[in-house]
Each structure stands twice: as C-alpha cells, then as structure tokens.
C-alpha cells in the first residue's frame, strides 16, 4: 500500500480478498443466529443478546490516536493526552497488518448512516470479525436502503483479536483506536468494547460538522408538543438519558446531536442506553 490508499480502495481490497468469507448487511435475526452459532454470546430469558467484552468493559482513552498530517492539523486538533498523534507511516504499517490478519477471518459488514439530517449525514461501513459488533451498529446507527447503495464516507475496520506491537507500531499498548481523516478510515484493534465504534463516529462528526455550520453536542434532547426543544448537558452517568426520557415529551436522542440552522438532529438511529 501507499499513502494514496483511501476508504474506497481499502473497501474494494477487503471485498476482493475475503469475498468467500463475508456476510453483508445481515438482518437482525440472521445476526442473532450467527452470534449464537459462533458462541460470541447467548440469549437472555427475554431474548436479548448478551456478550462479554473481555478485558475492556469501557473505552480506552489512552489508546486513541489521530493520524497527524502536519501544520493544517495543528490549527484544528487539540493535540495532547486525549488526541494523540500517530504518523501516516505508522498507521499505514498497522493497517497492512490488520488487513492481513483479517484475511484469515470471516467478516461481517454493516452499512449504516450517522446523522438524521440528510444534509449532514455520513455513510459508514463497518468491517468486523464479530457478528455482534455488526448487530450493535445496526441497532445504534441509522439504517436505510440508501446506505447499502452509497459509497462509504468512512470505513471502520474493527479487529478485536489483533494486538499491536508497541515497540514497532508507534502505539502505547497492544490496543489502538485510530482515525485517519485523510484516508477516511477508523482502525480499532485489541478491544471488543463496541462503544469505541460509537465514540469514533462521534469524533468524526465533531470535527467535520462545524465546517458545515453545525454545532456537534454531547447531550440528550427532547421536544415538547409545541415544538420547544430541550437539551441536557452533563458528564457521562450524570442523568442525561434519564432526564430526557420524559413521558410528556418526545425523545430526539440521548447522547449525540447536531444543531444546524434547521434545528436539532440525532447522530444515531435511536438511543445508546435504551430505557423502559
């Protein structure tokens, strides 16, 4: 591969090399069946899918990176402990290793969309070695027949079973969550925690939407009968979802939204934390 590789090229490469071992946009019942057959998880007495995410039961913020392409990025990205730099060369090497690893795996593809406002929507294609990750994405993001036909704006390549080598791969640990805004690829390895997929997409929207005059927000939102919208801001676990789940008001979403000239729109297809 060269520095000219991008999401479309990688998408075609994976499809060609893994065409006999790819499941594309399976339905929810089909994915549930695969999860059980593959022993990825099991069903609860209510029919819900239960899985164990292994070592990580939450996000790994010390292992998050953005590929650094120089001066223009210094003006837009707050580099530091949260947004760590990784070189294009290190990312390209790691991407090659992950793709070689996935050639030996059965892959599940899910095409979804982020952003309920079509003016600011992004088409996302997820490749994962786990059926339950595909189910998670289908449940979390927006699904439509349009996303199956469109070229992906971003690829997410998730390889939970692949471990990086900190000595040679330019990362701090075997775990990595890397966003390359030039190639439009999100690369995730050595973590089964699916929240990394969700938050990576939020990071993408958080960077791209301000240029479209949209304010990305980490908040819950609901709307009243007279069209009055309320936003609930707060740190994780402080009650955004609970407060926005008001029986007298319609829920817009419980975690990630955009504020455009047209109004408030959810990035997701529903709610991350479903409530009764």
Protein backbone atom coordinates (compact mmCIF):
# COMPACT_ATOMS: atom_id res chain seq x y z
CA UNK A 1 0.00 0.00 0.00
CA UNK A 2 0.98 3.64 -0.47
CA UNK A 3 -0.06 6.90 1.14
CA UNK A 4 -2.66 7.23 -1.60
CA UNK A 5 -4.79 4.43 -0.16
CA UNK A 6 -8.20 5.56 1.00
CA UNK A 7 -11.52 4.16 2.21
CA UNK A 8 -12.78 3.24 -1.26
CA UNK A 9 -9.57 1.42 -2.21
CA UNK A 10 -9.43 -0.48 1.08
CA UNK A 11 -13.12 -1.35 0.82
CA UNK A 12 -12.58 -2.93 -2.61
CA UNK A 13 -9.42 -4.70 -1.44
CA UNK A 14 -11.17 -6.35 1.52
CA UNK A 15 -14.17 -7.38 -0.55
CA UNK A 16 -11.93 -8.95 -3.19
CA UNK A 17 -9.63 -10.84 -0.83
CA UNK A 18 -12.36 -12.00 1.56
CA UNK A 19 -15.28 -12.46 -0.84
CA UNK A 20 -15.88 -16.08 0.19
CA UNK A 21 -15.96 -15.21 3.89
CA UNK A 22 -18.09 -12.05 4.03
CA UNK A 23 -21.58 -11.53 5.38
CA UNK A 24 -23.04 -8.24 4.15
CA UNK A 25 -25.91 -6.42 5.87
CA UNK A 26 -27.48 -9.43 7.51
CA UNK A 27 -30.84 -8.90 9.19
CA UNK A 28 -31.16 -8.77 12.97
CA UNK A 29 -32.48 -12.38 13.21
CA UNK A 30 -29.63 -13.58 10.96
CA UNK A 31 -27.02 -11.78 13.08
CA UNK A 32 -28.51 -13.13 16.30
CA UNK A 33 -28.32 -16.64 14.83
CA UNK A 34 -24.65 -16.12 13.86
CA UNK A 35 -23.83 -14.81 17.34
CA UNK A 36 -25.24 -17.94 18.95
CA UNK A 37 -23.72 -20.35 16.40
CA UNK A 38 -20.30 -18.66 16.70
CA UNK A 39 -20.51 -18.75 20.53
CA UNK A 40 -19.98 -14.97 20.61
CA UNK A 41 -22.81 -14.60 23.11
CA UNK A 42 -26.09 -16.07 24.26
CA UNK A 43 -29.73 -15.11 24.64
CA UNK A 44 -31.27 -13.97 27.89
CA UNK A 45 -34.68 -15.25 29.02
CA UNK A 46 -36.23 -12.19 27.32
CA UNK A 47 -34.47 -12.85 24.00
CA UNK A 48 -31.81 -10.15 24.31
CA UNK A 49 -28.28 -10.87 23.14
CA UNK A 50 -25.73 -10.95 25.96
CA UNK A 51 -21.99 -10.78 25.26
CA UNK A 52 -18.83 -10.43 27.30
CA UNK A 53 -16.40 -7.78 26.05
CA UNK A 54 -13.34 -9.34 27.64
CA UNK A 55 -10.62 -7.16 29.15
CA UNK A 56 -12.32 -3.88 28.27
CA UNK A 57 -15.75 -3.05 29.68
CA UNK A 58 -15.36 0.61 28.75
CA UNK A 59 -13.38 2.86 26.47
CA UNK A 60 -9.59 3.01 26.45
CA UNK A 61 -8.83 6.77 26.20
CA UNK A 62 -5.05 6.33 26.48
CA UNK A 63 -5.07 4.33 23.24
CA UNK A 64 -6.87 6.82 20.99
CA UNK A 65 -4.95 8.41 18.10
CA UNK A 66 -5.41 10.71 15.12
CA UNK A 67 -3.08 10.44 12.14
CA UNK A 68 -1.00 13.63 12.01
CA UNK A 69 -0.64 15.20 8.57
CA UNK A 70 1.24 18.31 9.64
CA UNK A 71 0.63 22.03 10.06
CA UNK A 72 -3.00 22.18 8.96
CA UNK A 73 -3.92 19.68 11.66
CA UNK A 74 -2.19 21.76 14.33
CA UNK A 75 -4.75 24.51 13.68
CA UNK A 76 -7.75 22.22 14.10
CA UNK A 77 -6.85 19.50 16.61
CA UNK A 78 -6.10 19.94 20.29
CA UNK A 79 -3.17 17.54 20.47
CA UNK A 80 -2.48 16.02 23.87
CA UNK A 81 -3.36 13.07 26.06
CA UNK A 82 -6.85 12.75 24.53
CA UNK A 83 -5.88 13.35 20.89
CA UNK A 84 -2.54 11.63 20.47
CA UNK A 85 -0.53 11.85 17.27
CA UNK A 86 0.46 8.90 15.13
CA UNK A 87 2.43 9.23 11.91
CA UNK A 88 0.96 8.33 8.50
CA UNK A 89 3.74 5.77 8.10
CA UNK A 90 2.92 4.01 11.37
CA UNK A 91 -0.78 3.98 10.50
CA UNK A 92 -0.11 2.53 7.05
CA UNK A 93 2.04 -0.24 8.52
CA UNK A 94 -0.54 -1.09 11.18
CA UNK A 95 -3.37 -1.02 8.62
CA UNK A 96 -1.46 -3.51 6.45
CA UNK A 97 -1.00 -5.86 9.41
CA UNK A 98 -4.68 -5.67 10.36
CA UNK A 99 -5.83 -6.36 6.79
CA UNK A 100 -3.50 -9.37 6.61
CA UNK A 101 -4.91 -10.63 9.92
CA UNK A 102 -8.50 -10.24 8.71
CA UNK A 103 -7.82 -12.23 5.53
CA UNK A 104 -8.00 -15.33 7.71
CA UNK A 105 -11.28 -14.32 9.34
CA UNK A 106 -14.96 -14.39 8.46
CA UNK A 107 -16.07 -10.77 8.24
CA UNK A 108 -19.37 -9.10 8.97
CA UNK A 109 -20.18 -5.90 7.09
CA UNK A 110 -22.80 -3.41 8.16
CA UNK A 111 -23.72 -0.29 6.18
CA UNK A 112 -25.23 2.45 8.31
CA UNK A 113 -25.56 6.20 8.46
CA UNK A 114 -24.67 8.78 11.10
CA UNK A 115 -26.77 11.92 11.29
CA UNK A 116 -30.56 12.05 10.92
CA UNK A 117 -30.35 15.28 8.90
CA UNK A 118 -29.63 14.17 5.33
CA UNK A 119 -27.86 17.46 4.62
CA UNK A 120 -25.15 16.46 7.10
CA UNK A 121 -25.32 12.67 7.02
CA UNK A 122 -22.32 10.37 6.65
CA UNK A 123 -22.36 6.84 5.21
CA UNK A 124 -20.39 4.44 7.41
CA UNK A 125 -19.32 0.88 6.55
CA UNK A 126 -18.16 -1.37 9.38
CA UNK A 127 -15.98 -4.46 8.92
CA UNK A 128 -15.70 -6.70 11.98
CA UNK A 129 -14.75 -10.25 12.81
CA UNK A 130 -17.73 -10.42 15.19
CA UNK A 131 -21.39 -10.68 14.23
CA UNK A 132 -22.38 -8.97 17.47
CA UNK A 133 -20.43 -5.84 16.51
CA UNK A 134 -22.47 -5.68 13.30
CA UNK A 135 -25.65 -6.11 15.35
CA UNK A 136 -24.55 -3.33 17.69
CA UNK A 137 -24.02 -0.97 14.73
CA UNK A 138 -27.33 -1.87 13.14
CA UNK A 139 -29.09 -1.19 16.43
CA UNK A 140 -27.23 2.05 17.19
CA UNK A 141 -26.95 3.90 13.90
CA UNK A 142 -29.40 4.77 11.14
CA UNK A 143 -30.30 2.05 8.65
CA UNK A 144 -31.79 2.64 5.23
CA UNK A 145 -31.66 1.07 1.78
CA UNK A 146 -29.79 4.18 0.62
CA UNK A 147 -26.77 3.42 2.80
CA UNK A 148 -26.41 -0.02 1.17
CA UNK A 149 -26.04 1.56 -2.27
CA UNK A 150 -23.85 4.56 -1.45
CA UNK A 151 -20.07 4.67 -1.34
CA UNK A 152 -18.93 4.83 2.30
CA UNK A 153 -17.74 8.20 3.55
CA UNK A 154 -15.80 6.40 6.29
CA UNK A 155 -14.70 2.82 6.88
CA UNK A 156 -14.49 1.32 10.35
CA UNK A 157 -12.22 -1.71 10.49
CA UNK A 158 -12.55 -3.48 13.83
CA UNK A 159 -10.19 -6.34 14.65
CA UNK A 160 -10.67 -7.18 18.36
CA UNK A 161 -8.37 -10.21 18.10
CA UNK A 162 -5.39 -8.30 16.70
CA UNK A 163 -2.72 -6.97 19.05
CA UNK A 164 -0.35 -4.19 18.05
CA UNK A 165 3.34 -4.25 18.94
CA UNK A 166 4.17 -1.06 20.86
CA UNK A 167 7.86 -1.48 20.01
CA UNK A 168 7.30 -1.30 16.24
CA UNK A 169 3.81 0.08 15.56
CA UNK A 170 4.05 3.56 17.07
CA UNK A 171 1.41 2.97 19.78
CA UNK A 172 1.46 2.78 23.58
CA UNK A 173 -0.05 -0.67 24.03
CA UNK A 174 -1.50 -3.59 22.04
CA UNK A 175 -4.81 -1.66 21.95
CA UNK A 176 -5.49 1.13 19.44
CA UNK A 177 -8.32 3.30 18.16
CA UNK A 178 -7.01 5.39 15.26
CA UNK A 179 -8.78 7.88 13.00
CA UNK A 180 -7.26 8.85 9.66
CA UNK A 181 -9.21 11.83 8.33
CA UNK A 182 -7.34 11.82 5.01
CA UNK A 183 -7.92 8.16 4.19
CA UNK A 184 -11.32 8.26 5.95
CA UNK A 185 -10.60 5.10 7.91
CA UNK A 186 -11.12 4.25 11.58
CA UNK A 187 -8.93 1.37 12.74
CA UNK A 188 -9.71 -0.45 16.00
CA UNK A 189 -7.75 -3.34 17.49
CA UNK A 190 -7.45 -5.47 20.65
CA UNK A 191 -10.72 -4.30 22.18
CA UNK A 192 -14.15 -5.85 21.88
CA UNK A 193 -15.86 -2.89 23.56
CA UNK A 194 -18.25 -1.63 20.87
CA UNK A 195 -18.51 1.82 22.43
CA UNK A 196 -15.20 2.58 20.68
CA UNK A 197 -17.10 2.38 17.37
CA UNK A 198 -19.78 4.78 18.58
CA UNK A 199 -17.38 7.36 20.01
CA UNK A 200 -15.09 7.22 16.97
CA UNK A 201 -18.02 8.17 14.75
CA UNK A 202 -18.87 10.99 17.18
CA UNK A 203 -15.26 12.21 16.91
CA UNK A 204 -15.55 12.23 13.11
CA UNK A 205 -18.80 14.20 13.21
CA UNK A 206 -17.37 16.51 15.86
CA UNK A 207 -14.54 17.53 13.56
CA UNK A 208 -16.34 17.66 10.20
CA UNK A 209 -19.68 19.30 11.01
CA UNK A 210 -18.51 22.74 12.23
CA UNK A 211 -17.31 23.41 8.66
CA UNK A 212 -20.95 22.85 7.62
CA UNK A 213 -22.17 25.37 10.23
CA UNK A 214 -23.40 22.62 12.55
CA UNK A 215 -22.60 22.52 16.28
CA UNK A 216 -21.89 18.92 17.44
CA UNK A 217 -23.06 18.34 21.01
CA UNK A 218 -22.68 15.62 23.62
CA UNK A 219 -26.14 15.90 25.11
CA UNK A 220 -29.63 14.44 25.31
CA UNK A 221 -32.54 16.16 23.58
CA UNK A 222 -36.31 16.02 23.64
CA UNK A 223 -39.12 18.08 22.18
CA UNK A 224 -42.45 19.26 23.53
CA UNK A 225 -45.88 19.32 21.90
CA UNK A 226 -45.39 22.94 20.86
CA UNK A 227 -42.05 22.26 19.16
CA UNK A 228 -39.89 23.50 22.05
CA UNK A 229 -36.61 21.60 22.26
CA UNK A 230 -34.69 20.98 25.49
CA UNK A 231 -31.02 19.98 25.64
CA UNK A 232 -29.47 18.14 28.61
CA UNK A 233 -25.70 18.50 29.04
CA UNK A 234 -23.60 16.66 31.59
CA UNK A 235 -20.76 14.20 32.11
CA UNK A 236 -21.35 10.52 31.47
CA UNK A 237 -23.51 8.98 34.18
CA UNK A 238 -24.96 12.26 35.49
CA UNK A 239 -28.51 11.70 34.20
CA UNK A 240 -28.83 12.98 30.62
CA UNK A 241 -30.69 9.89 29.41
CA UNK A 242 -32.91 9.68 32.48
CA UNK A 243 -33.93 13.35 32.40
CA UNK A 244 -34.61 13.37 28.67
CA UNK A 245 -36.89 10.30 28.92
CA UNK A 246 -39.92 12.41 29.84
CA UNK A 247 -43.37 10.83 29.29
CA UNK A 248 -44.76 14.28 28.41
CA UNK A 249 -42.16 14.97 25.71
CA UNK A 250 -40.87 13.14 22.62
CA UNK A 251 -37.28 11.92 22.79
CA UNK A 252 -34.97 13.06 19.99
CA UNK A 253 -31.93 11.19 21.29
CA UNK A 254 -29.96 10.56 24.45
CA UNK A 255 -26.30 11.21 23.64
CA UNK A 256 -25.04 12.91 20.46
CA UNK A 257 -26.69 15.64 18.42
CA UNK A 258 -26.08 18.36 15.87
CA UNK A 259 -27.54 21.88 15.96
CA UNK A 260 -27.99 23.36 12.49
CA UNK A 261 -29.98 26.29 11.14
CA UNK A 262 -32.82 23.80 10.63
CA UNK A 263 -32.88 22.53 14.21
CA UNK A 264 -31.59 19.69 16.38
CA UNK A 265 -30.89 16.23 14.94
CA UNK A 266 -29.67 12.94 16.40
CA UNK A 267 -26.45 11.37 15.15
CA UNK A 268 -27.77 7.91 16.00
CA UNK A 269 -30.76 5.84 14.98
CA UNK A 270 -32.20 5.74 18.46
CA UNK A 271 -30.64 5.73 21.91
CA UNK A 272 -27.37 4.24 23.12
CA UNK A 273 -28.79 3.42 26.56
CA UNK A 274 -32.31 2.15 25.99
CA UNK A 275 -34.69 2.72 28.90
CA UNK A 276 -38.09 1.29 29.78
